[in-house]
Amino acid sequence: MTAARALGIGHNKAYDLIKSGQFPVRVLPIGNTVRIPTAALWEALGVSSLRGALGGPSS
């Protein structure tokens, strides 16, 4: 799943937001690629940890 899809926006809109500096999650530009740190995406989505999201014990 892409970060854009998780946030409920299309990939074109996501790239427009990234280019304008308004993407709601920290981005890591690496060459011609843009990476979104998983932890930052989870935070934006209100998920504290994967274990917590799956109902397991959180650390």
C-alpha atoms as a PDB file:
ATOM      1  CA  MET A   1       0.000   0.000   0.000  1.00  0.00           C
ATOM      2  CA  THR A   2       1.267   3.474  -0.776  1.00  0.00           C
ATOM      3  CA  ALA A   3       1.236   6.344   1.697  1.00  0.00           C
ATOM      4  CA  ALA A   4      -1.109   8.256  -0.608  1.00  0.00           C
ATOM      5  CA  ARG A   5      -3.589   5.399  -0.618  1.00  0.00           C
ATOM      6  CA  ALA A   6      -3.394   5.074   3.163  1.00  0.00           C
ATOM      7  CA  LEU A   7      -4.165   8.796   3.430  1.00  0.00           C
ATOM      8  CA  GLY A   8      -7.055   8.496   0.983  1.00  0.00           C
ATOM      9  CA  ILE A   9      -5.562  10.604  -1.819  1.00  0.00           C
ATOM     10  CA  GLY A  10      -4.405   9.758  -5.318  1.00  0.00           C
ATOM     11  CA  HIS A  11      -0.757   9.489  -6.270  1.00  0.00           C
ATOM     12  CA  ASN A  12      -0.881  12.594  -8.501  1.00  0.00           C
ATOM     13  CA  LYS A  13      -2.287  14.665  -5.631  1.00  0.00           C
ATOM     14  CA  ALA A  14       0.354  13.197  -3.304  1.00  0.00           C
ATOM     15  CA  TYR A  15       3.189  14.242  -5.625  1.00  0.00           C
ATOM     16  CA  ASP A  16       1.669  17.722  -5.984  1.00  0.00           C
ATOM     17  CA  LEU A  17       1.530  18.052  -2.189  1.00  0.00           C
ATOM     18  CA  ILE A  18       5.108  16.785  -1.849  1.00  0.00           C
ATOM     19  CA  LYS A  19       6.368  19.271  -4.452  1.00  0.00           C
ATOM     20  CA  SER A  20       4.594  22.142  -2.692  1.00  0.00           C
ATOM     21  CA  GLY A  21       5.861  21.054   0.742  1.00  0.00           C
ATOM     22  CA  GLN A  22       2.335  20.390   2.023  1.00  0.00           C
ATOM     23  CA  PHE A  23       2.310  16.585   2.244  1.00  0.00           C
ATOM     24  CA  PRO A  24       0.978  15.724   5.721  1.00  0.00           C
ATOM     25  CA  VAL A  25       3.845  13.311   6.455  1.00  0.00           C
ATOM     26  CA  ARG A  26       7.621  13.804   6.499  1.00  0.00           C
ATOM     27  CA  VAL A  27       9.153  12.784   3.169  1.00  0.00           C
ATOM     28  CA  LEU A  28      12.640  11.557   2.347  1.00  0.00           C
ATOM     29  CA  PRO A  29      13.713  12.433  -1.194  1.00  0.00           C
ATOM     30  CA  ILE A  30      16.271   9.877  -2.396  1.00  0.00           C
ATOM     31  CA  GLY A  31      17.385  10.601  -5.944  1.00  0.00           C
ATOM     32  CA  ASN A  32      14.299  10.410  -8.161  1.00  0.00           C
ATOM     33  CA  THR A  33      12.370   8.526  -5.472  1.00  0.00           C
ATOM     34  CA  VAL A  34      10.407   9.822  -2.510  1.00  0.00           C
ATOM     35  CA  ARG A  35      10.165   7.635   0.574  1.00  0.00           C
ATOM     36  CA  ILE A  36       7.740   8.052   3.455  1.00  0.00           C
ATOM     37  CA  PRO A  37       8.971   6.804   6.838  1.00  0.00           C
ATOM     38  CA  THR A  38       6.539   4.164   8.100  1.00  0.00           C
ATOM     39  CA  ALA A  39       6.537   5.507  11.654  1.00  0.00           C
ATOM     40  CA  ALA A  40       5.653   9.000  10.397  1.00  0.00           C
ATOM     41  CA  LEU A  41       2.784   7.584   8.329  1.00  0.00           C
ATOM     42  CA  TRP A  42       1.467   5.599  11.299  1.00  0.00           C
ATOM     43  CA  GLU A  43       1.616   8.733  13.442  1.00  0.00           C
ATOM     44  CA  ALA A  44      -0.353  10.710  10.846  1.00  0.00           C
ATOM     45  CA  LEU A  45      -2.934   7.916  10.769  1.00  0.00           C
ATOM     46  CA  GLY A  46      -3.148   7.803  14.568  1.00  0.00           C
ATOM     47  CA  VAL A  47      -1.559   4.363  14.917  1.00  0.00           C
ATOM     48  CA  SER A  48       0.873   4.162  17.837  1.00  0.00           C
ATOM     49  CA  SER A  49       2.481   0.863  16.807  1.00  0.00           C
ATOM     50  CA  LEU A  50       1.774  -2.129  14.614  1.00  0.00           C
ATOM     51  CA  ARG A  51       1.302  -4.330  17.672  1.00  0.00           C
ATOM     52  CA  GLY A  52      -1.174  -1.829  19.083  1.00  0.00           C
ATOM     53  CA  ALA A  53      -2.992  -1.666  15.762  1.00  0.00           C
ATOM     54  CA  LEU A  54      -3.340  -5.447  15.670  1.00  0.00           C
ATOM     55  CA  GLY A  55      -4.543  -5.674  19.251  1.00  0.00           C
ATOM     56  CA  GLY A  56      -1.346  -7.181  20.589  1.00  0.00           C
ATOM     57  CA  PRO A  57       0.717  -5.942  23.517  1.00  0.00           C
ATOM     58  CA  SER A  58       2.390  -2.610  22.809  1.00  0.00           C
ATOM     59  CA  SER A  59       6.003  -2.024  23.787  1.00  0.00           C
END
